[in-house]
Amino acid sequence: MMTEQELAELKANLEAKLSELLERAETLENKLREPGDSDWSENAVVLENQETLVALGGATEKEIGDIRLALERIAKGEYGRCSRCHKSIPKARLSVLPWATTCVQCA
């Protein structure tokens, strides 16, 4: 189980990461709103870039959701417990994947 100090540090790190991801998501969204070029060949490049931006945006949104869920679990006192078997999630797993909601056996 994590100490209060470790949990506070983790929460601060997750909140900082969330803020960074929200800024990234806004930047991606703004880039996707930019008007296209009148040149069709230039538009082809723009569309390809937009596909990449959409993929990045999707991954960013998923990570935002995962971090928000982790912060909710911290607030509820459920962080570090497997949502399926209710055993402790090892610190090693949480250090690699701080938003993990399940232990390795239940994943």
PDB file of N, CA and C in Angstrom:
ATOM      1  N   MET A   1       0.843  -1.183   0.000  1.00  0.00           N
ATOM      2  CA  MET A   1       0.000   0.000   0.000  1.00  0.00           C
ATOM      3  C   MET A   1       0.886   1.244   0.000  1.00  0.00           C
ATOM      4  N   MET A   2       0.381   2.327  -0.551  1.00  0.00           N
ATOM      5  CA  MET A   2       1.143   3.567  -0.645  1.00  0.00           C
ATOM      6  C   MET A   2       0.969   4.394   0.624  1.00  0.00           C
ATOM      7  N   THR A   3       2.029   5.115   0.964  1.00  0.00           N
ATOM      8  CA  THR A   3       1.955   6.024   2.099  1.00  0.00           C
ATOM      9  C   THR A   3       1.203   7.287   1.670  1.00  0.00           C
ATOM     10  N   GLU A   4       0.791   8.070   2.645  1.00  0.00           N
ATOM     11  CA  GLU A   4       0.104   9.338   2.357  1.00  0.00           C
ATOM     12  C   GLU A   4       0.993  10.242   1.499  1.00  0.00           C
ATOM     13  N   GLN A   5       2.287  10.284   1.825  1.00  0.00           N
ATOM     14  CA  GLN A   5       3.243  11.116   1.080  1.00  0.00           C
ATOM     15  C   GLN A   5       3.344  10.652  -0.373  1.00  0.00           C
ATOM     16  N   GLU A   6       3.467   9.344  -0.589  1.00  0.00           N
ATOM     17  CA  GLU A   6       3.552   8.802  -1.940  1.00  0.00           C
ATOM     18  C   GLU A   6       2.275   9.098  -2.729  1.00  0.00           C
ATOM     19  N   LEU A   7       1.145   8.958  -2.083  1.00  0.00           N
ATOM     20  CA  LEU A   7      -0.133   9.210  -2.725  1.00  0.00           C
ATOM     21  C   LEU A   7      -0.273  10.690  -3.098  1.00  0.00           C
ATOM     22  N   ALA A   8       0.175  11.576  -2.214  1.00  0.00           N
ATOM     23  CA  ALA A   8       0.116  13.016  -2.488  1.00  0.00           C
ATOM     24  C   ALA A   8       1.014  13.376  -3.675  1.00  0.00           C
ATOM     25  N   GLU A   9       2.205  12.788  -3.718  1.00  0.00           N
ATOM     26  CA  GLU A   9       3.123  13.035  -4.831  1.00  0.00           C
ATOM     27  C   GLU A   9       2.539  12.510  -6.138  1.00  0.00           C
ATOM     28  N   LEU A  10       1.966  11.324  -6.088  1.00  0.00           N
ATOM     29  CA  LEU A  10       1.362  10.725  -7.265  1.00  0.00           C
ATOM     30  C   LEU A  10       0.208  11.593  -7.765  1.00  0.00           C
ATOM     31  N   LYS A  11      -0.628  12.044  -6.858  1.00  0.00           N
ATOM     32  CA  LYS A  11      -1.764  12.899  -7.222  1.00  0.00           C
ATOM     33  C   LYS A  11      -1.274  14.174  -7.894  1.00  0.00           C
ATOM     34  N   ALA A  12      -0.244  14.788  -7.352  1.00  0.00           N
ATOM     35  CA  ALA A  12       0.313  16.011  -7.941  1.00  0.00           C
ATOM     36  C   ALA A  12       0.858  15.732  -9.343  1.00  0.00           C
ATOM     37  N   ASN A  13       1.543  14.605  -9.508  1.00  0.00           N
ATOM     38  CA  ASN A  13       2.083  14.237 -10.820  1.00  0.00           C
ATOM     39  C   ASN A  13       0.958  13.979 -11.825  1.00  0.00           C
ATOM     40  N   LEU A  14      -0.093  13.283 -11.392  1.00  0.00           N
ATOM     41  CA  LEU A  14      -1.219  13.004 -12.273  1.00  0.00           C
ATOM     42  C   LEU A  14      -1.934  14.296 -12.669  1.00  0.00           C
ATOM     43  N   GLU A  15      -2.097  15.203 -11.723  1.00  0.00           N
ATOM     44  CA  GLU A  15      -2.751  16.486 -12.021  1.00  0.00           C
ATOM     45  C   GLU A  15      -1.925  17.301 -13.012  1.00  0.00           C
ATOM     46  N   ALA A  16      -0.589  17.282 -12.861  1.00  0.00           N
ATOM     47  CA  ALA A  16       0.282  17.995 -13.800  1.00  0.00           C
ATOM     48  C   ALA A  16       0.197  17.371 -15.192  1.00  0.00           C
ATOM     49  N   LYS A  17       0.196  16.047 -15.255  1.00  0.00           N
ATOM     50  CA  LYS A  17       0.085  15.347 -16.534  1.00  0.00           C
ATOM     51  C   LYS A  17      -1.274  15.636 -17.179  1.00  0.00           C
ATOM     52  N   LEU A  18      -2.328  15.661 -16.388  1.00  0.00           N
ATOM     53  CA  LEU A  18      -3.665  15.955 -16.894  1.00  0.00           C
ATOM     54  C   LEU A  18      -3.699  17.351 -17.500  1.00  0.00           C
ATOM     55  N   SER A  19      -3.132  18.309 -16.832  1.00  0.00           N
ATOM     56  CA  SER A  19      -3.093  19.679 -17.336  1.00  0.00           C
ATOM     57  C   SER A  19      -2.352  19.735 -18.674  1.00  0.00           C
ATOM     58  N   GLU A  20      -1.230  19.049 -18.757  1.00  0.00           N
ATOM     59  CA  GLU A  20      -0.441  18.993 -19.988  1.00  0.00           C
ATOM     60  C   GLU A  20      -1.259  18.360 -21.132  1.00  0.00           C
ATOM     61  N   LEU A  21      -1.950  17.277 -20.828  1.00  0.00           N
ATOM     62  CA  LEU A  21      -2.747  16.592 -21.844  1.00  0.00           C
ATOM     63  C   LEU A  21      -3.940  17.423 -22.300  1.00  0.00           C
ATOM     64  N   LEU A  22      -4.555  18.148 -21.383  1.00  0.00           N
ATOM     65  CA  LEU A  22      -5.672  19.016 -21.755  1.00  0.00           C
ATOM     66  C   LEU A  22      -5.207  20.120 -22.700  1.00  0.00           C
ATOM     67  N   GLU A  23      -4.023  20.661 -22.445  1.00  0.00           N
ATOM     68  CA  GLU A  23      -3.453  21.675 -23.341  1.00  0.00           C
ATOM     69  C   GLU A  23      -3.168  21.061 -24.712  1.00  0.00           C
ATOM     70  N   ARG A  24      -2.608  19.851 -24.726  1.00  0.00           N
ATOM     71  CA  ARG A  24      -2.316  19.168 -25.987  1.00  0.00           C
ATOM     72  C   ARG A  24      -3.602  18.922 -26.767  1.00  0.00           C
ATOM     73  N   ALA A  25      -4.641  18.470 -26.077  1.00  0.00           N
ATOM     74  CA  ALA A  25      -5.915  18.194 -26.732  1.00  0.00           C
ATOM     75  C   ALA A  25      -6.490  19.472 -27.350  1.00  0.00           C
ATOM     76  N   GLU A  26      -6.383  20.568 -26.650  1.00  0.00           N
ATOM     77  CA  GLU A  26      -6.886  21.835 -27.178  1.00  0.00           C
ATOM     78  C   GLU A  26      -6.089  22.260 -28.411  1.00  0.00           C
ATOM     79  N   THR A  27      -4.775  22.100 -28.371  1.00  0.00           N
ATOM     80  CA  THR A  27      -3.926  22.436 -29.514  1.00  0.00           C
ATOM     81  C   THR A  27      -4.286  21.585 -30.725  1.00  0.00           C
ATOM     82  N   LEU A  28      -4.462  20.285 -30.508  1.00  0.00           N
ATOM     83  CA  LEU A  28      -4.834  19.392 -31.602  1.00  0.00           C
ATOM     84  C   LEU A  28      -6.185  19.779 -32.192  1.00  0.00           C
ATOM     85  N   GLU A  29      -7.125  20.092 -31.313  1.00  0.00           N
ATOM     86  CA  GLU A  29      -8.455  20.484 -31.768  1.00  0.00           C
ATOM     87  C   GLU A  29      -8.398  21.763 -32.597  1.00  0.00           C
ATOM     88  N   ASN A  30      -7.598  22.703 -32.163  1.00  0.00           N
ATOM     89  CA  ASN A  30      -7.453  23.962 -32.913  1.00  0.00           C
ATOM     90  C   ASN A  30      -6.827  23.723 -34.282  1.00  0.00           C
ATOM     91  N   LYS A  31      -5.847  22.845 -34.355  1.00  0.00           N
ATOM     92  CA  LYS A  31      -5.211  22.536 -35.641  1.00  0.00           C
ATOM     93  C   LYS A  31      -6.203  21.875 -36.589  1.00  0.00           C
ATOM     94  N   LEU A  32      -7.076  21.041 -36.049  1.00  0.00           N
ATOM     95  CA  LEU A  32      -8.066  20.367 -36.895  1.00  0.00           C
ATOM     96  C   LEU A  32      -9.127  21.332 -37.423  1.00  0.00           C
ATOM     97  N   ARG A  33      -9.309  22.447 -36.751  1.00  0.00           N
ATOM     98  CA  ARG A  33     -10.303  23.443 -37.172  1.00  0.00           C
ATOM     99  C   ARG A  33      -9.786  24.380 -38.261  1.00  0.00           C
ATOM    100  N   GLU A  34      -8.463  24.379 -38.489  1.00  0.00           N
ATOM    101  CA  GLU A  34      -7.884  25.283 -39.476  1.00  0.00           C
ATOM    102  C   GLU A  34      -8.442  24.973 -40.860  1.00  0.00           C
ATOM    103  N   PRO A  35      -8.761  26.019 -41.625  1.00  0.00           N
ATOM    104  CA  PRO A  35      -9.316  25.789 -42.960  1.00  0.00           C
ATOM    105  C   PRO A  35      -8.287  25.153 -43.889  1.00  0.00           C
ATOM    106  N   GLY A  36      -8.788  24.413 -44.871  1.00  0.00           N
ATOM    107  CA  GLY A  36      -7.916  23.761 -45.842  1.00  0.00           C
ATOM    108  C   GLY A  36      -7.399  24.728 -46.885  1.00  0.00           C
ATOM    109  N   ASP A  37      -6.521  24.246 -47.718  1.00  0.00           N
ATOM    110  CA  ASP A  37      -5.922  25.012 -48.803  1.00  0.00           C
ATOM    111  C   ASP A  37      -6.758  24.804 -50.066  1.00  0.00           C
ATOM    112  N   SER A  38      -6.746  25.773 -50.966  1.00  0.00           N
ATOM    113  CA  SER A  38      -7.515  25.633 -52.209  1.00  0.00           C
ATOM    114  C   SER A  38      -6.833  24.685 -53.197  1.00  0.00           C
ATOM    115  N   ASP A  39      -5.558  24.436 -53.033  1.00  0.00           N
ATOM    116  CA  ASP A  39      -4.808  23.520 -53.895  1.00  0.00           C
ATOM    117  C   ASP A  39      -5.093  22.083 -53.466  1.00  0.00           C
ATOM    118  N   TRP A  40      -5.609  21.242 -54.384  1.00  0.00           N
ATOM    119  CA  TRP A  40      -6.020  19.879 -54.024  1.00  0.00           C
ATOM    120  C   TRP A  40      -4.849  19.024 -53.563  1.00  0.00           C
ATOM    121  N   SER A  41      -3.653  19.215 -54.150  1.00  0.00           N
ATOM    122  CA  SER A  41      -2.499  18.403 -53.720  1.00  0.00           C
ATOM    123  C   SER A  41      -2.062  18.803 -52.310  1.00  0.00           C
ATOM    124  N   GLU A  42      -2.169  20.071 -52.019  1.00  0.00           N
ATOM    125  CA  GLU A  42      -1.854  20.541 -50.663  1.00  0.00           C
ATOM    126  C   GLU A  42      -2.892  20.006 -49.686  1.00  0.00           C
ATOM    127  N   ASN A  43      -4.147  19.967 -50.116  1.00  0.00           N
ATOM    128  CA  ASN A  43      -5.207  19.419 -49.271  1.00  0.00           C
ATOM    129  C   ASN A  43      -4.983  17.947 -48.956  1.00  0.00           C
ATOM    130  N   ALA A  44      -4.425  17.191 -49.894  1.00  0.00           N
ATOM    131  CA  ALA A  44      -4.133  15.777 -49.651  1.00  0.00           C
ATOM    132  C   ALA A  44      -3.140  15.635 -48.499  1.00  0.00           C
ATOM    133  N   VAL A  45      -2.134  16.483 -48.483  1.00  0.00           N
ATOM    134  CA  VAL A  45      -1.145  16.458 -47.401  1.00  0.00           C
ATOM    135  C   VAL A  45      -1.812  16.875 -46.091  1.00  0.00           C
ATOM    136  N   VAL A  46      -2.645  17.900 -46.156  1.00  0.00           N
ATOM    137  CA  VAL A  46      -3.350  18.378 -44.969  1.00  0.00           C
ATOM    138  C   VAL A  46      -4.245  17.277 -44.406  1.00  0.00           C
ATOM    139  N   LEU A  47      -4.974  16.574 -45.270  1.00  0.00           N
ATOM    140  CA  LEU A  47      -5.846  15.491 -44.822  1.00  0.00           C
ATOM    141  C   LEU A  47      -5.058  14.372 -44.161  1.00  0.00           C
ATOM    142  N   GLU A  48      -3.913  14.057 -44.729  1.00  0.00           N
ATOM    143  CA  GLU A  48      -3.062  13.024 -44.121  1.00  0.00           C
ATOM    144  C   GLU A  48      -2.604  13.467 -42.736  1.00  0.00           C
ATOM    145  N   ASN A  49      -2.212  14.727 -42.634  1.00  0.00           N
ATOM    146  CA  ASN A  49      -1.801  15.262 -41.333  1.00  0.00           C
ATOM    147  C   ASN A  49      -2.967  15.263 -40.352  1.00  0.00           C
ATOM    148  N   GLN A  50      -4.166  15.547 -40.858  1.00  0.00           N
ATOM    149  CA  GLN A  50      -5.338  15.564 -39.985  1.00  0.00           C
ATOM    150  C   GLN A  50      -5.633  14.165 -39.452  1.00  0.00           C
ATOM    151  N   GLU A  51      -5.437  13.149 -40.271  1.00  0.00           N
ATOM    152  CA  GLU A  51      -5.644  11.774 -39.797  1.00  0.00           C
ATOM    153  C   GLU A  51      -4.705  11.467 -38.632  1.00  0.00           C
ATOM    154  N   THR A  52      -3.477  11.929 -38.749  1.00  0.00           N
ATOM    155  CA  THR A  52      -2.503  11.738 -37.674  1.00  0.00           C
ATOM    156  C   THR A  52      -2.947  12.501 -36.432  1.00  0.00           C
ATOM    157  N   LEU A  53      -3.404  13.731 -36.624  1.00  0.00           N
ATOM    158  CA  LEU A  53      -3.862  14.541 -35.494  1.00  0.00           C
ATOM    159  C   LEU A  53      -5.068  13.908 -34.807  1.00  0.00           C
ATOM    160  N   VAL A  54      -5.979  13.339 -35.595  1.00  0.00           N
ATOM    161  CA  VAL A  54      -7.153  12.678 -35.027  1.00  0.00           C
ATOM    162  C   VAL A  54      -6.722  11.478 -34.190  1.00  0.00           C
ATOM    163  N   ALA A  55      -5.765  10.704 -34.696  1.00  0.00           N
ATOM    164  CA  ALA A  55      -5.266   9.548 -33.943  1.00  0.00           C
ATOM    165  C   ALA A  55      -4.607  10.002 -32.645  1.00  0.00           C
ATOM    166  N   LEU A  56      -3.800  11.039 -32.720  1.00  0.00           N
ATOM    167  CA  LEU A  56      -3.162  11.579 -31.512  1.00  0.00           C
ATOM    168  C   LEU A  56      -4.206  12.101 -30.537  1.00  0.00           C
ATOM    169  N   GLY A  57      -5.222  12.745 -31.081  1.00  0.00           N
ATOM    170  CA  GLY A  57      -6.289  13.270 -30.237  1.00  0.00           C
ATOM    171  C   GLY A  57      -7.021  12.156 -29.511  1.00  0.00           C
ATOM    172  N   GLY A  58      -7.284  11.056 -30.200  1.00  0.00           N
ATOM    173  CA  GLY A  58      -7.956   9.914 -29.582  1.00  0.00           C
ATOM    174  C   GLY A  58      -7.130   9.317 -28.455  1.00  0.00           C
ATOM    175  N   ALA A  59      -5.831   9.166 -28.700  1.00  0.00           N
ATOM    176  CA  ALA A  59      -4.938   8.620 -27.669  1.00  0.00           C
ATOM    177  C   ALA A  59      -4.856   9.574 -26.482  1.00  0.00           C
ATOM    178  N   THR A  60      -4.823  10.869 -26.779  1.00  0.00           N
ATOM    179  CA  THR A  60      -4.763  11.877 -25.714  1.00  0.00           C
ATOM    180  C   THR A  60      -6.036  11.846 -24.875  1.00  0.00           C
ATOM    181  N   GLU A  61      -7.191  11.754 -25.531  1.00  0.00           N
ATOM    182  CA  GLU A  61      -8.462  11.702 -24.811  1.00  0.00           C
ATOM    183  C   GLU A  61      -8.556  10.465 -23.923  1.00  0.00           C
ATOM    184  N   LYS A  62      -8.044   9.333 -24.410  1.00  0.00           N
ATOM    185  CA  LYS A  62      -8.066   8.114 -23.603  1.00  0.00           C
ATOM    186  C   LYS A  62      -7.200   8.288 -22.355  1.00  0.00           C
ATOM    187  N   GLU A  63      -6.016   8.846 -22.547  1.00  0.00           N
ATOM    188  CA  GLU A  63      -5.122   9.056 -21.403  1.00  0.00           C
ATOM    189  C   GLU A  63      -5.730  10.051 -20.414  1.00  0.00           C
ATOM    190  N   ILE A  64      -6.398  11.086 -20.909  1.00  0.00           N
ATOM    191  CA  ILE A  64      -7.084  12.047 -20.031  1.00  0.00           C
ATOM    192  C   ILE A  64      -8.131  11.315 -19.194  1.00  0.00           C
ATOM    193  N   GLY A  65      -8.920  10.463 -19.832  1.00  0.00           N
ATOM    194  CA  GLY A  65      -9.933   9.698 -19.113  1.00  0.00           C
ATOM    195  C   GLY A  65      -9.334   8.781 -18.069  1.00  0.00           C
ATOM    196  N   ASP A  66      -8.227   8.114 -18.429  1.00  0.00           N
ATOM    197  CA  ASP A  66      -7.556   7.214 -17.487  1.00  0.00           C
ATOM    198  C   ASP A  66      -7.041   7.967 -16.266  1.00  0.00           C
ATOM    199  N   ILE A  67      -6.459   9.136 -16.501  1.00  0.00           N
ATOM    200  CA  ILE A  67      -5.922   9.937 -15.393  1.00  0.00           C
ATOM    201  C   ILE A  67      -7.057  10.468 -14.520  1.00  0.00           C
ATOM    202  N   ARG A  68      -8.133  10.910 -15.131  1.00  0.00           N
ATOM    203  CA  ARG A  68      -9.278  11.386 -14.340  1.00  0.00           C
ATOM    204  C   ARG A  68      -9.829  10.259 -13.463  1.00  0.00           C
ATOM    205  N   LEU A  69      -9.894   9.067 -14.019  1.00  0.00           N
ATOM    206  CA  LEU A  69     -10.366   7.922 -13.239  1.00  0.00           C
ATOM    207  C   LEU A  69      -9.420   7.633 -12.069  1.00  0.00           C
ATOM    208  N   ALA A  70      -8.120   7.706 -12.312  1.00  0.00           N
ATOM    209  CA  ALA A  70      -7.151   7.486 -11.238  1.00  0.00           C
ATOM    210  C   ALA A  70      -7.326   8.534 -10.140  1.00  0.00           C
ATOM    211  N   LEU A  71      -7.529   9.789 -10.537  1.00  0.00           N
ATOM    212  CA  LEU A  71      -7.736  10.849  -9.541  1.00  0.00           C
ATOM    213  C   LEU A  71      -9.030  10.628  -8.755  1.00  0.00           C
ATOM    214  N   GLU A  72     -10.065  10.142  -9.419  1.00  0.00           N
ATOM    215  CA  GLU A  72     -11.310   9.808  -8.715  1.00  0.00           C
ATOM    216  C   GLU A  72     -11.079   8.684  -7.712  1.00  0.00           C
ATOM    217  N   ARG A  73     -10.320   7.684  -8.116  1.00  0.00           N
ATOM    218  CA  ARG A  73     -10.037   6.554  -7.230  1.00  0.00           C
ATOM    219  C   ARG A  73      -9.224   7.007  -6.021  1.00  0.00           C
ATOM    220  N   ILE A  74      -8.314   7.962  -6.227  1.00  0.00           N
ATOM    221  CA  ILE A  74      -7.553   8.517  -5.095  1.00  0.00           C
ATOM    222  C   ILE A  74      -8.510   9.213  -4.141  1.00  0.00           C
ATOM    223  N   ALA A  75      -9.392  10.050  -4.686  1.00  0.00           N
ATOM    224  CA  ALA A  75     -10.341  10.804  -3.856  1.00  0.00           C
ATOM    225  C   ALA A  75     -11.265   9.882  -3.064  1.00  0.00           C
ATOM    226  N   LYS A  76     -11.633   8.754  -3.655  1.00  0.00           N
ATOM    227  CA  LYS A  76     -12.538   7.809  -2.991  1.00  0.00           C
ATOM    228  C   LYS A  76     -11.805   6.822  -2.081  1.00  0.00           C
ATOM    229  N   GLY A  77     -10.464   6.868  -2.081  1.00  0.00           N
ATOM    230  CA  GLY A  77      -9.697   5.934  -1.272  1.00  0.00           C
ATOM    231  C   GLY A  77      -9.613   4.538  -1.880  1.00  0.00           C
ATOM    232  N   GLU A  78      -9.864   4.446  -3.185  1.00  0.00           N
ATOM    233  CA  GLU A  78      -9.843   3.156  -3.871  1.00  0.00           C
ATOM    234  C   GLU A  78      -8.577   2.940  -4.679  1.00  0.00           C
ATOM    235  N   TYR A  79      -7.720   3.941  -4.740  1.00  0.00           N
ATOM    236  CA  TYR A  79      -6.523   3.849  -5.571  1.00  0.00           C
ATOM    237  C   TYR A  79      -5.595   2.754  -5.043  1.00  0.00           C
ATOM    238  N   GLY A  80      -5.039   1.986  -5.965  1.00  0.00           N
ATOM    239  CA  GLY A  80      -4.102   0.935  -5.587  1.00  0.00           C
ATOM    240  C   GLY A  80      -4.765  -0.392  -5.283  1.00  0.00           C
ATOM    241  N   ARG A  81      -6.085  -0.444  -5.396  1.00  0.00           N
ATOM    242  CA  ARG A  81      -6.850  -1.677  -5.201  1.00  0.00           C
ATOM    243  C   ARG A  81      -7.420  -2.108  -6.539  1.00  0.00           C
ATOM    244  N   CYS A  82      -7.324  -3.386  -6.826  1.00  0.00           N
ATOM    245  CA  CYS A  82      -7.858  -3.942  -8.066  1.00  0.00           C
ATOM    246  C   CYS A  82      -9.379  -3.792  -8.059  1.00  0.00           C
ATOM    247  N   SER A  83      -9.909  -3.287  -9.165  1.00  0.00           N
ATOM    248  CA  SER A  83     -11.355  -3.088  -9.253  1.00  0.00           C
ATOM    249  C   SER A  83     -12.116  -4.402  -9.429  1.00  0.00           C
ATOM    250  N   ARG A  84     -11.398  -5.488  -9.687  1.00  0.00           N
ATOM    251  CA  ARG A  84     -12.059  -6.790  -9.851  1.00  0.00           C
ATOM    252  C   ARG A  84     -11.935  -7.671  -8.612  1.00  0.00           C
ATOM    253  N   CYS A  85     -10.691  -7.929  -8.185  1.00  0.00           N
ATOM    254  CA  CYS A  85     -10.493  -8.854  -7.060  1.00  0.00           C
ATOM    255  C   CYS A  85     -10.297  -8.125  -5.730  1.00  0.00           C
ATOM    256  N   HIS A  86     -10.110  -6.803  -5.781  1.00  0.00           N
ATOM    257  CA  HIS A  86      -9.964  -5.930  -4.604  1.00  0.00           C
ATOM    258  C   HIS A  86      -8.668  -6.148  -3.830  1.00  0.00           C
ATOM    259  N   LYS A  87      -7.715  -6.867  -4.412  1.00  0.00           N
ATOM    260  CA  LYS A  87      -6.392  -6.999  -3.791  1.00  0.00           C
ATOM    261  C   LYS A  87      -5.563  -5.776  -4.156  1.00  0.00           C
ATOM    262  N   SER A  88      -4.478  -5.580  -3.424  1.00  0.00           N
ATOM    263  CA  SER A  88      -3.591  -4.456  -3.716  1.00  0.00           C
ATOM    264  C   SER A  88      -2.910  -4.647  -5.063  1.00  0.00           C
ATOM    265  N   ILE A  89      -2.809  -3.550  -5.805  1.00  0.00           N
ATOM    266  CA  ILE A  89      -2.046  -3.552  -7.047  1.00  0.00           C
ATOM    267  C   ILE A  89      -0.601  -3.250  -6.649  1.00  0.00           C
ATOM    268  N   PRO A  90       0.355  -4.077  -7.066  1.00  0.00           N
ATOM    269  CA  PRO A  90       1.748  -3.857  -6.670  1.00  0.00           C
ATOM    270  C   PRO A  90       2.264  -2.469  -7.090  1.00  0.00           C
ATOM    271  N   LYS A  91       3.103  -1.888  -6.236  1.00  0.00           N
ATOM    272  CA  LYS A  91       3.671  -0.567  -6.504  1.00  0.00           C
ATOM    273  C   LYS A  91       4.417  -0.550  -7.830  1.00  0.00           C
ATOM    274  N   ALA A  92       5.076  -1.655  -8.165  1.00  0.00           N
ATOM    275  CA  ALA A  92       5.831  -1.718  -9.421  1.00  0.00           C
ATOM    276  C   ALA A  92       4.891  -1.493 -10.619  1.00  0.00           C
ATOM    277  N   ARG A  93       3.712  -2.093 -10.568  1.00  0.00           N
ATOM    278  CA  ARG A  93       2.743  -1.904 -11.654  1.00  0.00           C
ATOM    279  C   ARG A  93       2.260  -0.457 -11.686  1.00  0.00           C
ATOM    280  N   LEU A  94       1.977   0.099 -10.527  1.00  0.00           N
ATOM    281  CA  LEU A  94       1.481   1.473 -10.465  1.00  0.00           C
ATOM    282  C   LEU A  94       2.553   2.482 -10.871  1.00  0.00           C
ATOM    283  N   SER A  95       3.819   2.153 -10.636  1.00  0.00           N
ATOM    284  CA  SER A  95       4.877   3.083 -11.041  1.00  0.00           C
ATOM    285  C   SER A  95       5.003   3.136 -12.560  1.00  0.00           C
ATOM    286  N   VAL A  96       4.699   2.020 -13.234  1.00  0.00           N
ATOM    287  CA  VAL A  96       4.754   1.972 -14.690  1.00  0.00           C
ATOM    288  C   VAL A  96       3.458   2.489 -15.306  1.00  0.00           C
ATOM    289  N   LEU A  97       2.348   2.149 -14.684  1.00  0.00           N
ATOM    290  CA  LEU A  97       1.026   2.489 -15.198  1.00  0.00           C
ATOM    291  C   LEU A  97       0.193   3.052 -14.045  1.00  0.00           C
ATOM    292  N   PRO A  98       0.416   4.338 -13.690  1.00  0.00           N
ATOM    293  CA  PRO A  98      -0.228   4.900 -12.496  1.00  0.00           C
ATOM    294  C   PRO A  98      -1.752   4.925 -12.540  1.00  0.00           C
ATOM    295  N   TRP A  99      -2.339   4.751 -13.700  1.00  0.00           N
ATOM    296  CA  TRP A  99      -3.806   4.745 -13.786  1.00  0.00           C
ATOM    297  C   TRP A  99      -4.364   3.330 -13.874  1.00  0.00           C
ATOM    298  N   ALA A 100      -3.544   2.325 -13.577  1.00  0.00           N
ATOM    299  CA  ALA A 100      -4.013   0.948 -13.598  1.00  0.00           C
ATOM    300  C   ALA A 100      -5.150   0.766 -12.600  1.00  0.00           C
ATOM    301  N   THR A 101      -6.198   0.078 -13.020  1.00  0.00           N
ATOM    302  CA  THR A 101      -7.328  -0.184 -12.130  1.00  0.00           C
ATOM    303  C   THR A 101      -7.423  -1.660 -11.747  1.00  0.00           C
ATOM    304  N   THR A 102      -6.562  -2.479 -12.360  1.00  0.00           N
ATOM    305  CA  THR A 102      -6.568  -3.908 -12.057  1.00  0.00           C
ATOM    306  C   THR A 102      -5.155  -4.401 -11.816  1.00  0.00           C
ATOM    307  N   CYS A 103      -5.061  -5.487 -11.058  1.00  0.00           N
ATOM    308  CA  CYS A 103      -3.777  -6.141 -10.871  1.00  0.00           C
ATOM    309  C   CYS A 103      -3.440  -6.913 -12.165  1.00  0.00           C
ATOM    310  N   VAL A 104      -2.241  -7.426 -12.259  1.00  0.00           N
ATOM    311  CA  VAL A 104      -1.806  -8.130 -13.460  1.00  0.00           C
ATOM    312  C   VAL A 104      -2.679  -9.365 -13.700  1.00  0.00           C
ATOM    313  N   GLN A 105      -3.030 -10.088 -12.654  1.00  0.00           N
ATOM    314  CA  GLN A 105      -3.828 -11.309 -12.796  1.00  0.00           C
ATOM    315  C   GLN A 105      -5.204 -11.010 -13.378  1.00  0.00           C
ATOM    316  N   CYS A 106      -5.789  -9.868 -13.029  1.00  0.00           N
ATOM    317  CA  CYS A 106      -7.140  -9.541 -13.488  1.00  0.00           C
ATOM    318  C   CYS A 106      -7.143  -8.742 -14.800  1.00  0.00           C
ATOM    319  N   ALA A 107      -5.981  -8.263 -15.205  1.00  0.00           N
ATOM    320  CA  ALA A 107      -5.907  -7.422 -16.419  1.00  0.00           C
ATOM    321  C   ALA A 107      -6.233  -8.195 -17.671  1.00  0.00           C
TER     322      ALA A 107
END
